[in-house]
Amino acid sequence: MTPGTPNKARQPSAAQQTQLDAKERQVTAALQRCQDAAEAERRGAVALQNARVRVAVDEAEKRKTSERQVTRPDSTVTSSVSCSPRTLLPPNKKRPQDTQRPESDAPLPPAQRYLPHVI
């Protein structure tokens, strides 16, 4: 290093600067690919969770429908008497929705929030 040019040794040459710029572009592109892959993985996980919820809802609806078909009389037979389900129960029997729920104010876990009957 000569006394008149103290900073010149610290500055890269034009060729070195070109190489550094190319390396920086490569690193930036690699970082972007990693970020894109992480975002795609996150979206995939969300899509998988949504699919699981849809399947659980579909299964619950199928169970509910099949339970109704088992307990419901044949639809070809019509009744001339119409009465609500409440009038069919003896006065001392409660319907399931009349029963008390737990007093807990704690939020339900996600699966029970959307599908309280599926545990």
C-alpha atoms as a PDB file:
ATOM      1  CA  MET A   1       0.000   0.000   0.000  1.00  0.00           C
ATOM      2  CA  THR A   2       1.432   3.341  -0.962  1.00  0.00           C
ATOM      3  CA  PRO A   3       1.077   6.316   1.345  1.00  0.00           C
ATOM      4  CA  GLY A   4      -1.003   8.332  -1.144  1.00  0.00           C
ATOM      5  CA  THR A   5      -3.834   5.811  -1.556  1.00  0.00           C
ATOM      6  CA  PRO A   6      -4.898   4.416   1.824  1.00  0.00           C
ATOM      7  CA  ASN A   7      -8.516   3.530   0.852  1.00  0.00           C
ATOM      8  CA  LYS A   8      -7.767   2.009  -2.538  1.00  0.00           C
ATOM      9  CA  ALA A   9      -6.750  -1.328  -1.002  1.00  0.00           C
ATOM     10  CA  ARG A  10     -10.141  -1.596   0.697  1.00  0.00           C
ATOM     11  CA  GLN A  11     -12.157  -0.957  -2.467  1.00  0.00           C
ATOM     12  CA  PRO A  12     -12.776  -3.993  -4.721  1.00  0.00           C
ATOM     13  CA  SER A  13     -11.706  -3.737  -8.321  1.00  0.00           C
ATOM     14  CA  ALA A  14     -14.353  -3.478 -11.047  1.00  0.00           C
ATOM     15  CA  ALA A  15     -14.038  -7.211 -11.759  1.00  0.00           C
ATOM     16  CA  GLN A  16     -14.330  -8.057  -8.057  1.00  0.00           C
ATOM     17  CA  GLN A  17     -17.341  -5.757  -7.711  1.00  0.00           C
ATOM     18  CA  THR A  18     -19.005  -7.510 -10.666  1.00  0.00           C
ATOM     19  CA  GLN A  19     -18.398 -10.864  -8.982  1.00  0.00           C
ATOM     20  CA  LEU A  20     -19.745  -9.553  -5.674  1.00  0.00           C
ATOM     21  CA  ASP A  21     -22.848  -8.191  -7.391  1.00  0.00           C
ATOM     22  CA  ALA A  22     -23.437 -11.533  -9.126  1.00  0.00           C
ATOM     23  CA  LYS A  23     -23.019 -13.389  -5.826  1.00  0.00           C
ATOM     24  CA  GLU A  24     -25.439 -10.989  -4.127  1.00  0.00           C
ATOM     25  CA  ARG A  25     -28.042 -11.637  -6.853  1.00  0.00           C
ATOM     26  CA  GLN A  26     -27.585 -15.398  -6.386  1.00  0.00           C
ATOM     27  CA  VAL A  27     -28.030 -15.145  -2.628  1.00  0.00           C
ATOM     28  CA  THR A  28     -31.074 -12.889  -3.032  1.00  0.00           C
ATOM     29  CA  ALA A  29     -32.632 -15.341  -5.513  1.00  0.00           C
ATOM     30  CA  ALA A  30     -31.941 -18.290  -3.182  1.00  0.00           C
ATOM     31  CA  LEU A  31     -33.522 -16.409  -0.270  1.00  0.00           C
ATOM     32  CA  GLN A  32     -36.601 -15.644  -2.385  1.00  0.00           C
ATOM     33  CA  ARG A  33     -36.914 -19.328  -3.345  1.00  0.00           C
ATOM     34  CA  CYS A  34     -36.745 -20.312   0.335  1.00  0.00           C
ATOM     35  CA  GLN A  35     -39.396 -17.751   1.255  1.00  0.00           C
ATOM     36  CA  ASP A  36     -41.626 -18.932  -1.616  1.00  0.00           C
ATOM     37  CA  ALA A  37     -41.210 -22.557  -0.527  1.00  0.00           C
ATOM     38  CA  ALA A  38     -42.074 -21.661   3.080  1.00  0.00           C
ATOM     39  CA  GLU A  39     -45.190 -19.794   1.929  1.00  0.00           C
ATOM     40  CA  ALA A  40     -46.240 -22.720  -0.275  1.00  0.00           C
ATOM     41  CA  GLU A  41     -45.752 -25.108   2.648  1.00  0.00           C
ATOM     42  CA  ARG A  42     -47.853 -22.869   4.907  1.00  0.00           C
ATOM     43  CA  ARG A  43     -50.625 -22.688   2.294  1.00  0.00           C
ATOM     44  CA  GLY A  44     -50.480 -26.448   1.890  1.00  0.00           C
ATOM     45  CA  ALA A  45     -50.824 -26.945   5.645  1.00  0.00           C
ATOM     46  CA  VAL A  46     -53.809 -24.582   5.725  1.00  0.00           C
ATOM     47  CA  ALA A  47     -55.400 -26.366   2.765  1.00  0.00           C
ATOM     48  CA  LEU A  48     -54.857 -29.735   4.452  1.00  0.00           C
ATOM     49  CA  GLN A  49     -56.461 -28.516   7.677  1.00  0.00           C
ATOM     50  CA  ASN A  50     -59.414 -27.085   5.734  1.00  0.00           C
ATOM     51  CA  ALA A  51     -59.839 -30.399   3.912  1.00  0.00           C
ATOM     52  CA  ARG A  52     -59.822 -32.288   7.218  1.00  0.00           C
ATOM     53  CA  VAL A  53     -62.525 -29.993   8.586  1.00  0.00           C
ATOM     54  CA  ARG A  54     -64.638 -30.433   5.433  1.00  0.00           C
ATOM     55  CA  VAL A  55     -64.334 -34.220   5.680  1.00  0.00           C
ATOM     56  CA  ALA A  56     -65.296 -34.157   9.360  1.00  0.00           C
ATOM     57  CA  VAL A  57     -68.295 -31.927   8.620  1.00  0.00           C
ATOM     58  CA  ASP A  58     -69.394 -34.191   5.758  1.00  0.00           C
ATOM     59  CA  GLU A  59     -69.109 -37.280   7.957  1.00  0.00           C
ATOM     60  CA  ALA A  60     -71.077 -35.593  10.732  1.00  0.00           C
ATOM     61  CA  GLU A  61     -73.807 -34.589   8.288  1.00  0.00           C
ATOM     62  CA  LYS A  62     -73.963 -38.143   6.939  1.00  0.00           C
ATOM     63  CA  ARG A  63     -74.287 -39.522  10.475  1.00  0.00           C
ATOM     64  CA  LYS A  64     -76.974 -37.003  11.295  1.00  0.00           C
ATOM     65  CA  THR A  65     -78.861 -37.838   8.090  1.00  0.00           C
ATOM     66  CA  SER A  66     -78.637 -41.575   8.701  1.00  0.00           C
ATOM     67  CA  GLU A  67     -79.824 -41.104  12.301  1.00  0.00           C
ATOM     68  CA  ARG A  68     -82.819 -39.137  11.043  1.00  0.00           C
ATOM     69  CA  GLN A  69     -83.651 -41.850   8.524  1.00  0.00           C
ATOM     70  CA  VAL A  70     -83.549 -44.502  11.228  1.00  0.00           C
ATOM     71  CA  THR A  71     -85.745 -42.562  13.654  1.00  0.00           C
ATOM     72  CA  ARG A  72     -88.087 -40.955  11.116  1.00  0.00           C
ATOM     73  CA  PRO A  73     -91.148 -42.933   9.984  1.00  0.00           C
ATOM     74  CA  ASP A  74     -91.518 -43.829   6.337  1.00  0.00           C
ATOM     75  CA  SER A  75     -92.200 -40.669   4.346  1.00  0.00           C
ATOM     76  CA  THR A  76     -94.919 -42.383   2.269  1.00  0.00           C
ATOM     77  CA  VAL A  77     -97.114 -42.717   5.344  1.00  0.00           C
ATOM     78  CA  THR A  78     -98.794 -39.453   6.207  1.00  0.00           C
ATOM     79  CA  SER A  79    -100.287 -38.610   9.522  1.00  0.00           C
ATOM     80  CA  SER A  80    -103.380 -36.514   9.982  1.00  0.00           C
ATOM     81  CA  VAL A  81    -102.224 -35.454  13.443  1.00  0.00           C
ATOM     82  CA  SER A  82     -99.493 -32.870  13.616  1.00  0.00           C
ATOM     83  CA  CYS A  83     -97.668 -32.264  16.827  1.00  0.00           C
ATOM     84  CA  SER A  84     -94.310 -30.890  17.786  1.00  0.00           C
ATOM     85  CA  PRO A  85     -91.598 -33.157  19.199  1.00  0.00           C
ATOM     86  CA  ARG A  86     -91.990 -31.431  22.578  1.00  0.00           C
ATOM     87  CA  THR A  87     -95.594 -32.612  22.925  1.00  0.00           C
ATOM     88  CA  LEU A  88     -94.534 -36.205  22.360  1.00  0.00           C
ATOM     89  CA  LEU A  89     -92.389 -36.271  25.497  1.00  0.00           C
ATOM     90  CA  PRO A  90     -93.775 -36.783  28.970  1.00  0.00           C
ATOM     91  CA  PRO A  91     -93.708 -33.548  31.012  1.00  0.00           C
ATOM     92  CA  ASN A  92     -90.892 -34.734  33.292  1.00  0.00           C
ATOM     93  CA  LYS A  93     -88.509 -35.594  30.426  1.00  0.00           C
ATOM     94  CA  LYS A  94     -86.188 -32.963  29.038  1.00  0.00           C
ATOM     95  CA  ARG A  95     -85.099 -32.732  25.436  1.00  0.00           C
ATOM     96  CA  PRO A  96     -81.323 -32.919  24.860  1.00  0.00           C
ATOM     97  CA  GLN A  97     -81.005 -29.220  24.008  1.00  0.00           C
ATOM     98  CA  ASP A  98     -82.787 -28.311  27.270  1.00  0.00           C
ATOM     99  CA  THR A  99     -79.971 -29.759  29.350  1.00  0.00           C
ATOM    100  CA  GLN A 100     -77.420 -27.425  30.872  1.00  0.00           C
ATOM    101  CA  ARG A 101     -74.088 -26.897  29.191  1.00  0.00           C
ATOM    102  CA  PRO A 102     -70.867 -26.759  31.235  1.00  0.00           C
ATOM    103  CA  GLU A 103     -70.394 -23.486  33.054  1.00  0.00           C
ATOM    104  CA  SER A 104     -66.859 -23.073  31.737  1.00  0.00           C
ATOM    105  CA  ASP A 105     -66.212 -19.825  29.885  1.00  0.00           C
ATOM    106  CA  ALA A 106     -62.999 -21.199  28.432  1.00  0.00           C
ATOM    107  CA  PRO A 107     -62.953 -21.170  24.632  1.00  0.00           C
ATOM    108  CA  LEU A 108     -63.389 -24.499  22.932  1.00  0.00           C
ATOM    109  CA  PRO A 109     -60.534 -26.083  21.009  1.00  0.00           C
ATOM    110  CA  PRO A 110     -60.811 -25.514  17.226  1.00  0.00           C
ATOM    111  CA  ALA A 111     -62.241 -28.967  16.482  1.00  0.00           C
ATOM    112  CA  GLN A 112     -65.031 -28.555  19.050  1.00  0.00           C
ATOM    113  CA  ARG A 113     -65.709 -24.960  18.044  1.00  0.00           C
ATOM    114  CA  TYR A 114     -66.842 -26.038  14.579  1.00  0.00           C
ATOM    115  CA  LEU A 115     -67.862 -29.614  15.318  1.00  0.00           C
ATOM    116  CA  PRO A 116     -69.072 -29.765  18.928  1.00  0.00           C
ATOM    117  CA  HIS A 117     -70.685 -33.173  18.381  1.00  0.00           C
ATOM    118  CA  VAL A 118     -67.454 -34.731  17.041  1.00  0.00           C
ATOM    119  CA  ILE A 119     -64.968 -35.421  19.803  1.00  0.00           C
END
